[in-house]
Structure formats: structure tokens, C-alpha cells
Amino acid sequence: MTDELELLRYPVGKYHRPETHTPGLRAEWLNILEALPSWMDTVIENLDEAQLQTPYRPGGWTVNQVIHHVADSHMNAYIRVKLALTEDNPQVKPYKEELWAELADTKTVPVNVSITLLHALHRRWVALLRAMTEAEWERTYFHPESQRNFPVWEVVALYAWHSRHHFEHIRKLKERMGW
């Protein structure tokens, strides 16, 4: 049961920090970020309210919470990247994502609002990332919970994984449920 739950929790595997980055890897990560909003459009198409309120795994978030979480998380990442590009190793503010997933907007705002937000956000974010210089990919921010600096290239790798991770939560739930 533990292995099955682990597969439900990490459908694309746990995140592993890449050792380095190359133009080819960055292009792959950017392609994922660019595609995510359309993936989300497709994966929720024709889901009804009961399906949107279904957890992707026992004890996990609902489809609704996952989609709103992705928007919240990616907004934070975008802002952190912009801070890293405009300030010298700024310290970012952590947030309690599990509490954000319980706030009223997550419960009352339709998921298509967060997907629309992802379309706009990712268009800007990918445009920014595609225009960066080699030196800008190395810029960093400091995360106080992790107690380390995060280079922009690592943030982009993480969020490409994060995109696939949460998309697959929903896609695999639909597959298991026969939706």
C-alpha cells in the first residue's frame, strides 16, 4: 500500500535537483512551462463539480485545490525570479501552501479563473526566461526555510517538474476513475 500511495503522491517521481543546466535542458523546461496552461485546460475539460471536489489520492488535495495551488505557487515563483533578476540575492518570503489551499478563494472561485491566470502568467514568465542572458540564469535568491541560495535555472527546473507533477495528479486520477 505504501508504494501505491507513493506513486499516487509522486506520479512523475520526486524532484531531483539537476547538477547543472544547458541550453537544451533550459529549452525543455521552458517548453513545459509554456505548455502547462493548455495541459490544464485539457485535463479539466468536462469535469463536473463532484469530480473537481475529488482528491487525487487519499488524504490529498482535490482537483480544485491542485489547480488553485499551481496558480498560487507559480505566481510566487515568477515573483521570486523577478526579484532574483533585479536584486542582489534577495531573501524571499516562504508561505504556507497547505493553508493557502484552504482559503475562501480556493473554495469559491471556479478553477477556470486560475487556469486563465496561468495562461497570462506563463506567457509573461516564459517570455522573460527566453530573453535572459547566461549570467541571468545564474542569479540567485535566498530561501530562509531551505537556508540556501536558489539559482534561477534551478527554480525553472523545479517548476517544470512541479508543472508535470500536478498535471499528472489530475490526469492519473481521471484515468483511474474512468472519467
N, C-alpha and C. Protein backbone atom coordinates (compact mmCIF):
# COMPACT_ATOMS: atom_id res chain seq x y z
N MET A 1 0.83 -1.20 0.00
CA MET A 1 0.00 0.00 0.00
C MET A 1 0.87 1.26 0.00
N THR A 2 1.98 1.23 0.73
CA THR A 2 2.85 2.40 0.80
C THR A 2 3.42 2.76 -0.57
N ASP A 3 3.86 1.75 -1.33
CA ASP A 3 4.39 2.02 -2.67
C ASP A 3 3.31 2.61 -3.58
N GLU A 4 2.08 2.08 -3.47
CA GLU A 4 0.97 2.59 -4.27
C GLU A 4 0.67 4.04 -3.91
N LEU A 5 0.65 4.33 -2.61
CA LEU A 5 0.40 5.71 -2.17
C LEU A 5 1.53 6.64 -2.62
N GLU A 6 2.75 6.14 -2.59
CA GLU A 6 3.90 6.93 -3.04
C GLU A 6 3.78 7.26 -4.54
N LEU A 7 3.31 6.30 -5.33
CA LEU A 7 3.10 6.54 -6.76
C LEU A 7 1.98 7.54 -7.00
N LEU A 8 0.94 7.50 -6.17
CA LEU A 8 -0.13 8.49 -6.29
C LEU A 8 0.36 9.88 -5.89
N ARG A 9 1.22 9.91 -4.89
CA ARG A 9 1.74 11.19 -4.39
C ARG A 9 2.75 11.81 -5.36
N TYR A 10 3.60 10.97 -5.95
CA TYR A 10 4.66 11.45 -6.85
C TYR A 10 4.56 10.73 -8.20
N PRO A 11 3.57 11.09 -9.00
CA PRO A 11 3.34 10.35 -10.26
C PRO A 11 4.47 10.49 -11.29
N VAL A 12 5.30 11.50 -11.18
CA VAL A 12 6.45 11.63 -12.09
C VAL A 12 7.76 11.45 -11.32
N GLY A 13 7.66 10.93 -10.10
CA GLY A 13 8.83 10.77 -9.24
C GLY A 13 9.08 12.03 -8.44
N LYS A 14 9.87 11.88 -7.39
CA LYS A 14 10.24 13.03 -6.57
C LYS A 14 11.18 13.94 -7.36
N TYR A 15 11.17 15.20 -6.99
CA TYR A 15 12.05 16.16 -7.65
C TYR A 15 13.50 15.86 -7.27
N HIS A 16 14.35 15.85 -8.26
CA HIS A 16 15.80 15.72 -8.05
C HIS A 16 16.47 16.92 -8.71
N ARG A 17 17.19 17.67 -7.89
CA ARG A 17 17.87 18.86 -8.39
C ARG A 17 18.90 18.47 -9.44
N PRO A 18 18.81 19.07 -10.63
CA PRO A 18 19.85 18.79 -11.64
C PRO A 18 21.20 19.32 -11.16
N GLU A 19 22.24 18.67 -11.58
CA GLU A 19 23.59 19.10 -11.22
C GLU A 19 24.00 20.37 -11.95
N THR A 20 23.45 20.53 -13.14
CA THR A 20 23.83 21.66 -13.97
C THR A 20 22.67 22.00 -14.91
N HIS A 21 22.92 22.93 -15.79
CA HIS A 21 21.93 23.28 -16.81
C HIS A 21 22.64 23.55 -18.11
N THR A 22 21.94 23.29 -19.17
CA THR A 22 22.46 23.52 -20.52
C THR A 22 21.36 24.24 -21.30
N PRO A 23 21.70 24.85 -22.41
CA PRO A 23 20.65 25.44 -23.24
C PRO A 23 19.56 24.42 -23.62
N GLY A 24 19.94 23.19 -23.87
CA GLY A 24 18.97 22.15 -24.21
C GLY A 24 18.03 21.83 -23.07
N LEU A 25 18.57 21.69 -21.86
CA LEU A 25 17.72 21.43 -20.68
C LEU A 25 16.80 22.61 -20.42
N ARG A 26 17.36 23.82 -20.52
CA ARG A 26 16.53 25.00 -20.28
C ARG A 26 15.39 25.08 -21.28
N ALA A 27 15.67 24.77 -22.54
CA ALA A 27 14.62 24.78 -23.57
C ALA A 27 13.53 23.77 -23.22
N GLU A 28 13.92 22.60 -22.75
CA GLU A 28 12.95 21.58 -22.34
C GLU A 28 12.08 22.10 -21.19
N TRP A 29 12.70 22.71 -20.18
CA TRP A 29 11.96 23.25 -19.04
C TRP A 29 11.00 24.35 -19.49
N LEU A 30 11.48 25.22 -20.36
CA LEU A 30 10.63 26.32 -20.84
C LEU A 30 9.46 25.80 -21.66
N ASN A 31 9.69 24.76 -22.44
CA ASN A 31 8.60 24.18 -23.22
C ASN A 31 7.51 23.62 -22.30
N ILE A 32 7.90 23.03 -21.19
CA ILE A 32 6.93 22.52 -20.21
C ILE A 32 6.15 23.68 -19.60
N LEU A 33 6.86 24.72 -19.17
CA LEU A 33 6.18 25.88 -18.59
C LEU A 33 5.23 26.52 -19.60
N GLU A 34 5.64 26.58 -20.83
CA GLU A 34 4.80 27.16 -21.87
C GLU A 34 3.54 26.31 -22.11
N ALA A 35 3.68 25.00 -22.03
CA ALA A 35 2.57 24.09 -22.32
C ALA A 35 1.60 23.91 -21.17
N LEU A 36 2.04 24.13 -19.94
CA LEU A 36 1.20 23.81 -18.78
C LEU A 36 -0.22 24.38 -18.85
N PRO A 37 -0.43 25.66 -19.13
CA PRO A 37 -1.81 26.16 -19.14
C PRO A 37 -2.73 25.38 -20.09
N SER A 38 -2.23 25.04 -21.26
CA SER A 38 -3.04 24.26 -22.21
C SER A 38 -3.28 22.84 -21.69
N TRP A 39 -2.27 22.27 -21.05
CA TRP A 39 -2.46 20.94 -20.44
C TRP A 39 -3.59 21.00 -19.42
N MET A 40 -3.59 22.06 -18.60
CA MET A 40 -4.63 22.19 -17.58
C MET A 40 -6.00 22.39 -18.20
N ASP A 41 -6.08 23.17 -19.28
CA ASP A 41 -7.35 23.32 -19.99
C ASP A 41 -7.89 21.94 -20.37
N THR A 42 -7.04 21.15 -20.97
CA THR A 42 -7.44 19.84 -21.48
C THR A 42 -7.81 18.87 -20.36
N VAL A 43 -7.02 18.86 -19.30
CA VAL A 43 -7.24 17.84 -18.26
C VAL A 43 -8.50 18.08 -17.44
N ILE A 44 -8.98 19.32 -17.37
CA ILE A 44 -10.21 19.56 -16.60
C ILE A 44 -11.45 19.65 -17.48
N GLU A 45 -11.26 19.59 -18.79
CA GLU A 45 -12.39 19.71 -19.70
C GLU A 45 -13.47 18.69 -19.35
N ASN A 46 -14.70 19.17 -19.23
CA ASN A 46 -15.89 18.36 -18.95
C ASN A 46 -15.96 17.76 -17.55
N LEU A 47 -15.09 18.18 -16.64
CA LEU A 47 -15.22 17.69 -15.26
C LEU A 47 -16.37 18.45 -14.58
N ASP A 48 -17.19 17.71 -13.83
CA ASP A 48 -18.28 18.35 -13.11
C ASP A 48 -17.82 18.72 -11.69
N GLU A 49 -18.70 19.36 -10.94
CA GLU A 49 -18.32 19.85 -9.61
C GLU A 49 -17.90 18.71 -8.68
N ALA A 50 -18.59 17.60 -8.74
CA ALA A 50 -18.23 16.46 -7.88
C ALA A 50 -16.83 15.95 -8.24
N GLN A 51 -16.52 15.91 -9.51
CA GLN A 51 -15.18 15.46 -9.94
C GLN A 51 -14.11 16.46 -9.51
N LEU A 52 -14.41 17.76 -9.61
CA LEU A 52 -13.46 18.78 -9.18
C LEU A 52 -13.21 18.72 -7.67
N GLN A 53 -14.17 18.18 -6.92
CA GLN A 53 -14.02 18.08 -5.46
C GLN A 53 -13.46 16.73 -5.03
N THR A 54 -12.98 15.93 -5.97
CA THR A 54 -12.41 14.62 -5.68
C THR A 54 -10.91 14.76 -5.40
N PRO A 55 -10.43 14.20 -4.28
CA PRO A 55 -8.99 14.22 -4.02
C PRO A 55 -8.25 13.33 -5.02
N TYR A 56 -7.08 13.77 -5.41
CA TYR A 56 -6.29 12.98 -6.37
C TYR A 56 -5.71 11.72 -5.74
N ARG A 57 -5.67 11.68 -4.41
CA ARG A 57 -5.23 10.50 -3.66
C ARG A 57 -5.84 10.58 -2.27
N PRO A 58 -5.88 9.46 -1.54
CA PRO A 58 -6.38 9.52 -0.17
C PRO A 58 -5.56 10.52 0.65
N GLY A 59 -6.24 11.45 1.30
CA GLY A 59 -5.56 12.46 2.10
C GLY A 59 -4.96 13.59 1.30
N GLY A 60 -5.16 13.59 -0.02
CA GLY A 60 -4.59 14.63 -0.88
C GLY A 60 -5.59 15.73 -1.16
N TRP A 61 -5.11 16.73 -1.87
CA TRP A 61 -5.95 17.84 -2.27
C TRP A 61 -6.95 17.39 -3.34
N THR A 62 -8.03 18.16 -3.44
CA THR A 62 -8.98 17.94 -4.52
C THR A 62 -8.40 18.50 -5.82
N VAL A 63 -9.01 18.12 -6.93
CA VAL A 63 -8.61 18.68 -8.23
C VAL A 63 -8.68 20.20 -8.16
N ASN A 64 -9.75 20.70 -7.59
CA ASN A 64 -9.94 22.14 -7.43
C ASN A 64 -8.75 22.77 -6.68
N GLN A 65 -8.38 22.19 -5.55
CA GLN A 65 -7.27 22.73 -4.76
C GLN A 65 -5.95 22.64 -5.51
N VAL A 66 -5.74 21.55 -6.24
CA VAL A 66 -4.50 21.40 -7.00
C VAL A 66 -4.36 22.52 -8.02
N ILE A 67 -5.41 22.79 -8.76
CA ILE A 67 -5.33 23.82 -9.80
C ILE A 67 -5.09 25.20 -9.19
N HIS A 68 -5.81 25.53 -8.13
CA HIS A 68 -5.58 26.83 -7.49
C HIS A 68 -4.17 26.89 -6.88
N HIS A 69 -3.71 25.77 -6.33
CA HIS A 69 -2.35 25.72 -5.78
C HIS A 69 -1.30 26.00 -6.86
N VAL A 70 -1.47 25.40 -8.02
CA VAL A 70 -0.50 25.62 -9.11
C VAL A 70 -0.43 27.11 -9.44
N ALA A 71 -1.58 27.76 -9.54
CA ALA A 71 -1.58 29.20 -9.82
C ALA A 71 -0.88 29.97 -8.71
N ASP A 72 -1.20 29.67 -7.45
CA ASP A 72 -0.56 30.36 -6.32
C ASP A 72 0.95 30.15 -6.32
N SER A 73 1.35 28.90 -6.47
CA SER A 73 2.76 28.55 -6.42
C SER A 73 3.54 29.19 -7.56
N HIS A 74 2.99 29.14 -8.76
CA HIS A 74 3.70 29.68 -9.92
C HIS A 74 3.75 31.20 -9.89
N MET A 75 2.74 31.85 -9.29
CA MET A 75 2.83 33.31 -9.10
C MET A 75 3.99 33.63 -8.17
N ASN A 76 4.11 32.88 -7.09
CA ASN A 76 5.22 33.10 -6.16
C ASN A 76 6.56 32.88 -6.85
N ALA A 77 6.66 31.83 -7.64
CA ALA A 77 7.92 31.53 -8.33
C ALA A 77 8.28 32.64 -9.32
N TYR A 78 7.30 33.12 -10.06
CA TYR A 78 7.53 34.20 -11.03
C TYR A 78 8.07 35.44 -10.32
N ILE A 79 7.44 35.80 -9.22
CA ILE A 79 7.88 36.98 -8.47
C ILE A 79 9.28 36.76 -7.90
N ARG A 80 9.55 35.56 -7.40
CA ARG A 80 10.89 35.27 -6.87
C ARG A 80 11.96 35.37 -7.96
N VAL A 81 11.65 34.89 -9.15
CA VAL A 81 12.60 35.01 -10.26
C VAL A 81 12.83 36.48 -10.59
N LYS A 82 11.78 37.27 -10.63
CA LYS A 82 11.95 38.69 -10.93
C LYS A 82 12.77 39.39 -9.84
N LEU A 83 12.55 39.00 -8.59
CA LEU A 83 13.38 39.56 -7.51
C LEU A 83 14.84 39.18 -7.70
N ALA A 84 15.09 37.92 -8.04
CA ALA A 84 16.47 37.46 -8.25
C ALA A 84 17.13 38.21 -9.40
N LEU A 85 16.35 38.57 -10.41
CA LEU A 85 16.91 39.27 -11.57
C LEU A 85 17.14 40.76 -11.31
N THR A 86 16.50 41.32 -10.29
CA THR A 86 16.57 42.77 -10.08
C THR A 86 17.22 43.17 -8.76
N GLU A 87 17.50 42.19 -7.90
CA GLU A 87 18.14 42.48 -6.62
C GLU A 87 19.31 41.53 -6.41
N ASP A 88 20.20 41.88 -5.51
CA ASP A 88 21.36 41.04 -5.24
C ASP A 88 21.00 39.99 -4.20
N ASN A 89 20.76 38.76 -4.65
CA ASN A 89 20.45 37.62 -3.80
C ASN A 89 19.41 37.95 -2.72
N PRO A 90 18.21 38.39 -3.12
CA PRO A 90 17.20 38.76 -2.12
C PRO A 90 16.72 37.55 -1.31
N GLN A 91 16.31 37.82 -0.11
CA GLN A 91 15.66 36.77 0.69
C GLN A 91 14.18 36.78 0.34
N VAL A 92 13.63 35.63 -0.01
CA VAL A 92 12.22 35.54 -0.36
C VAL A 92 11.40 35.16 0.87
N LYS A 93 10.12 35.40 0.78
CA LYS A 93 9.22 35.07 1.88
C LYS A 93 8.58 33.71 1.63
N PRO A 94 8.76 32.77 2.55
CA PRO A 94 8.04 31.50 2.42
C PRO A 94 6.55 31.71 2.66
N TYR A 95 5.74 30.77 2.24
CA TYR A 95 4.31 30.84 2.51
C TYR A 95 3.82 29.42 2.82
N LYS A 96 2.71 29.34 3.50
CA LYS A 96 2.16 28.05 3.92
C LYS A 96 1.14 27.57 2.89
N GLU A 97 1.65 26.86 1.88
CA GLU A 97 0.80 26.44 0.76
C GLU A 97 -0.39 25.61 1.21
N GLU A 98 -0.22 24.80 2.25
CA GLU A 98 -1.33 23.97 2.72
C GLU A 98 -2.46 24.83 3.31
N LEU A 99 -2.12 25.99 3.88
CA LEU A 99 -3.14 26.90 4.39
C LEU A 99 -3.76 27.71 3.26
N TRP A 100 -2.95 28.10 2.27
CA TRP A 100 -3.49 28.81 1.12
C TRP A 100 -4.55 27.96 0.43
N ALA A 101 -4.33 26.64 0.39
CA ALA A 101 -5.27 25.74 -0.28
C ALA A 101 -6.61 25.64 0.44
N GLU A 102 -6.69 26.17 1.65
CA GLU A 102 -7.93 26.13 2.43
C GLU A 102 -8.65 27.48 2.45
N LEU A 103 -8.08 28.50 1.87
CA LEU A 103 -8.70 29.83 1.90
C LEU A 103 -9.95 29.89 1.01
N ALA A 104 -10.77 30.89 1.27
CA ALA A 104 -12.08 31.02 0.61
C ALA A 104 -11.99 31.07 -0.91
N ASP A 105 -10.99 31.76 -1.45
CA ASP A 105 -10.92 31.86 -2.91
C ASP A 105 -10.75 30.49 -3.56
N THR A 106 -9.99 29.62 -2.91
CA THR A 106 -9.78 28.27 -3.44
C THR A 106 -11.09 27.49 -3.43
N LYS A 107 -11.93 27.77 -2.47
CA LYS A 107 -13.19 27.03 -2.34
C LYS A 107 -14.32 27.62 -3.19
N THR A 108 -14.25 28.90 -3.52
CA THR A 108 -15.39 29.53 -4.17
C THR A 108 -15.15 29.99 -5.61
N VAL A 109 -13.93 30.23 -5.99
CA VAL A 109 -13.64 30.73 -7.34
C VAL A 109 -13.51 29.54 -8.29
N PRO A 110 -14.17 29.58 -9.43
CA PRO A 110 -14.07 28.47 -10.39
C PRO A 110 -12.62 28.25 -10.84
N VAL A 111 -12.28 26.99 -11.11
CA VAL A 111 -10.90 26.66 -11.49
C VAL A 111 -10.49 27.32 -12.79
N ASN A 112 -11.44 27.60 -13.67
CA ASN A 112 -11.05 28.22 -14.94
C ASN A 112 -10.44 29.61 -14.73
N VAL A 113 -10.74 30.24 -13.61
CA VAL A 113 -10.12 31.54 -13.31
C VAL A 113 -8.62 31.34 -13.07
N SER A 114 -8.26 30.32 -12.30
CA SER A 114 -6.83 30.06 -12.07
C SER A 114 -6.14 29.58 -13.34
N ILE A 115 -6.84 28.85 -14.18
CA ILE A 115 -6.22 28.42 -15.44
C ILE A 115 -6.02 29.61 -16.38
N THR A 116 -6.97 30.52 -16.40
CA THR A 116 -6.80 31.75 -17.18
C THR A 116 -5.60 32.54 -16.65
N LEU A 117 -5.50 32.61 -15.32
CA LEU A 117 -4.35 33.27 -14.70
C LEU A 117 -3.05 32.59 -15.14
N LEU A 118 -3.03 31.26 -15.16
CA LEU A 118 -1.83 30.53 -15.59
C LEU A 118 -1.47 30.85 -17.04
N HIS A 119 -2.47 30.99 -17.90
CA HIS A 119 -2.19 31.35 -19.30
C HIS A 119 -1.44 32.69 -19.36
N ALA A 120 -1.95 33.69 -18.65
CA ALA A 120 -1.32 35.01 -18.67
C ALA A 120 0.04 34.98 -17.98
N LEU A 121 0.10 34.38 -16.82
CA LEU A 121 1.34 34.32 -16.04
C LEU A 121 2.44 33.59 -16.80
N HIS A 122 2.13 32.44 -17.35
CA HIS A 122 3.16 31.67 -18.04
C HIS A 122 3.60 32.34 -19.34
N ARG A 123 2.70 33.06 -19.97
CA ARG A 123 3.12 33.80 -21.17
C ARG A 123 4.18 34.83 -20.80
N ARG A 124 3.95 35.57 -19.72
CA ARG A 124 4.93 36.56 -19.28
C ARG A 124 6.20 35.90 -18.77
N TRP A 125 6.04 34.85 -17.95
CA TRP A 125 7.19 34.19 -17.34
C TRP A 125 8.10 33.58 -18.41
N VAL A 126 7.53 32.86 -19.36
CA VAL A 126 8.33 32.24 -20.41
C VAL A 126 8.99 33.30 -21.29
N ALA A 127 8.28 34.39 -21.58
CA ALA A 127 8.89 35.47 -22.38
C ALA A 127 10.10 36.04 -21.64
N LEU A 128 9.96 36.24 -20.34
CA LEU A 128 11.08 36.74 -19.53
C LEU A 128 12.24 35.75 -19.57
N LEU A 129 11.96 34.48 -19.34
CA LEU A 129 13.01 33.47 -19.29
C LEU A 129 13.71 33.29 -20.63
N ARG A 130 12.96 33.34 -21.71
CA ARG A 130 13.57 33.16 -23.04
C ARG A 130 14.50 34.33 -23.40
N ALA A 131 14.30 35.47 -22.78
CA ALA A 131 15.12 36.66 -23.09
C ALA A 131 16.34 36.79 -22.18
N MET A 132 16.51 35.88 -21.23
CA MET A 132 17.60 36.03 -20.25
C MET A 132 18.97 35.71 -20.84
N THR A 133 19.96 36.36 -20.28
CA THR A 133 21.35 36.10 -20.64
C THR A 133 21.87 34.91 -19.83
N GLU A 134 23.02 34.40 -20.23
CA GLU A 134 23.65 33.30 -19.46
C GLU A 134 23.88 33.73 -18.01
N ALA A 135 24.32 34.95 -17.82
CA ALA A 135 24.59 35.43 -16.46
C ALA A 135 23.30 35.50 -15.62
N GLU A 136 22.20 35.86 -16.25
CA GLU A 136 20.94 35.96 -15.50
C GLU A 136 20.45 34.58 -15.02
N TRP A 137 20.74 33.53 -15.77
CA TRP A 137 20.36 32.18 -15.34
C TRP A 137 21.05 31.80 -14.03
N GLU A 138 22.18 32.44 -13.74
CA GLU A 138 22.95 32.13 -12.53
C GLU A 138 22.56 33.00 -11.34
N ARG A 139 21.74 34.02 -11.55
CA ARG A 139 21.33 34.89 -10.44
C ARG A 139 20.56 34.08 -9.42
N THR A 140 20.57 34.54 -8.17
CA THR A 140 20.01 33.73 -7.09
C THR A 140 19.09 34.53 -6.18
N TYR A 141 18.30 33.77 -5.42
CA TYR A 141 17.62 34.30 -4.25
C TYR A 141 17.89 33.35 -3.09
N PHE A 142 17.72 33.86 -1.88
CA PHE A 142 17.93 33.06 -0.67
C PHE A 142 16.58 32.66 -0.10
N HIS A 143 16.42 31.36 0.16
CA HIS A 143 15.19 30.86 0.76
C HIS A 143 15.46 30.51 2.22
N PRO A 144 14.83 31.23 3.17
CA PRO A 144 15.17 31.03 4.58
C PRO A 144 14.79 29.66 5.15
N GLU A 145 13.78 29.00 4.61
CA GLU A 145 13.44 27.66 5.11
C GLU A 145 14.48 26.64 4.68
N SER A 146 14.96 26.76 3.46
CA SER A 146 15.98 25.84 2.95
C SER A 146 17.38 26.23 3.38
N GLN A 147 17.53 27.48 3.80
CA GLN A 147 18.83 28.02 4.22
C GLN A 147 19.88 27.90 3.12
N ARG A 148 19.46 28.23 1.89
CA ARG A 148 20.43 28.22 0.79
C ARG A 148 19.95 29.12 -0.34
N ASN A 149 20.87 29.40 -1.23
CA ASN A 149 20.57 30.19 -2.41
C ASN A 149 20.03 29.28 -3.51
N PHE A 150 19.06 29.80 -4.25
CA PHE A 150 18.49 29.10 -5.40
C PHE A 150 18.82 29.88 -6.66
N PRO A 151 19.59 29.31 -7.59
CA PRO A 151 19.80 29.99 -8.87
C PRO A 151 18.53 29.91 -9.71
N VAL A 152 18.34 30.89 -10.57
CA VAL A 152 17.15 30.94 -11.41
C VAL A 152 17.00 29.65 -12.21
N TRP A 153 18.10 29.13 -12.74
CA TRP A 153 17.98 27.91 -13.55
C TRP A 153 17.40 26.76 -12.74
N GLU A 154 17.74 26.66 -11.46
CA GLU A 154 17.19 25.59 -10.63
C GLU A 154 15.71 25.80 -10.35
N VAL A 155 15.31 27.06 -10.17
CA VAL A 155 13.90 27.37 -9.95
C VAL A 155 13.09 26.94 -11.17
N VAL A 156 13.60 27.21 -12.35
CA VAL A 156 12.90 26.84 -13.57
C VAL A 156 12.83 25.31 -13.70
N ALA A 157 13.90 24.62 -13.38
CA ALA A 157 13.87 23.15 -13.40
C ALA A 157 12.82 22.62 -12.42
N LEU A 158 12.79 23.19 -11.22
CA LEU A 158 11.83 22.77 -10.20
C LEU A 158 10.40 22.99 -10.67
N TYR A 159 10.13 24.13 -11.28
CA TYR A 159 8.76 24.44 -11.69
C TYR A 159 8.34 23.70 -12.95
N ALA A 160 9.28 23.28 -13.76
CA ALA A 160 8.94 22.38 -14.87
C ALA A 160 8.50 21.03 -14.27
N TRP A 161 9.25 20.55 -13.28
CA TRP A 161 8.84 19.32 -12.57
C TRP A 161 7.48 19.53 -11.90
N HIS A 162 7.31 20.63 -11.20
CA HIS A 162 6.08 20.94 -10.47
C HIS A 162 4.88 20.94 -11.43
N SER A 163 5.07 21.48 -12.62
CA SER A 163 4.02 21.50 -13.63
C SER A 163 3.59 20.08 -14.00
N ARG A 164 4.56 19.25 -14.32
CA ARG A 164 4.27 17.86 -14.70
C ARG A 164 3.66 17.10 -13.53
N HIS A 165 4.21 17.30 -12.34
CA HIS A 165 3.78 16.63 -11.10
C HIS A 165 2.28 16.82 -10.88
N HIS A 166 1.82 18.07 -10.88
CA HIS A 166 0.42 18.33 -10.59
C HIS A 166 -0.50 18.02 -11.77
N PHE A 167 -0.04 18.22 -12.97
CA PHE A 167 -0.83 17.81 -14.13
C PHE A 167 -1.10 16.31 -14.06
N GLU A 168 -0.06 15.55 -13.76
CA GLU A 168 -0.21 14.09 -13.69
C GLU A 168 -1.09 13.66 -12.53
N HIS A 169 -1.11 14.41 -11.43
CA HIS A 169 -2.06 14.09 -10.36
C HIS A 169 -3.48 14.01 -10.92
N ILE A 170 -3.84 15.03 -11.69
CA ILE A 170 -5.20 15.11 -12.22
C ILE A 170 -5.41 14.10 -13.34
N ARG A 171 -4.46 14.01 -14.24
CA ARG A 171 -4.60 13.09 -15.38
C ARG A 171 -4.73 11.64 -14.91
N LYS A 172 -3.91 11.25 -13.95
CA LYS A 172 -3.95 9.88 -13.46
C LYS A 172 -5.21 9.61 -12.65
N LEU A 173 -5.71 10.62 -11.91
CA LEU A 173 -6.98 10.45 -11.22
C LEU A 173 -8.09 10.18 -12.24
N LYS A 174 -8.14 10.97 -13.29
CA LYS A 174 -9.16 10.77 -14.34
C LYS A 174 -9.05 9.37 -14.94
N GLU A 175 -7.84 8.94 -15.18
CA GLU A 175 -7.60 7.61 -15.75
C GLU A 175 -8.10 6.52 -14.79
N ARG A 176 -7.77 6.63 -13.51
CA ARG A 176 -8.21 5.64 -12.52
C ARG A 176 -9.72 5.59 -12.36
N MET A 177 -10.35 6.78 -12.44
CA MET A 177 -11.78 6.89 -12.23
C MET A 177 -12.59 6.63 -13.51
N GLY A 178 -11.92 6.56 -14.64
CA GLY A 178 -12.62 6.34 -15.91
C GLY A 178 -13.42 7.54 -16.38
N TRP A 179 -12.95 8.74 -16.05
CA TRP A 179 -13.65 9.97 -16.45
C TRP A 179 -13.27 10.36 -17.87
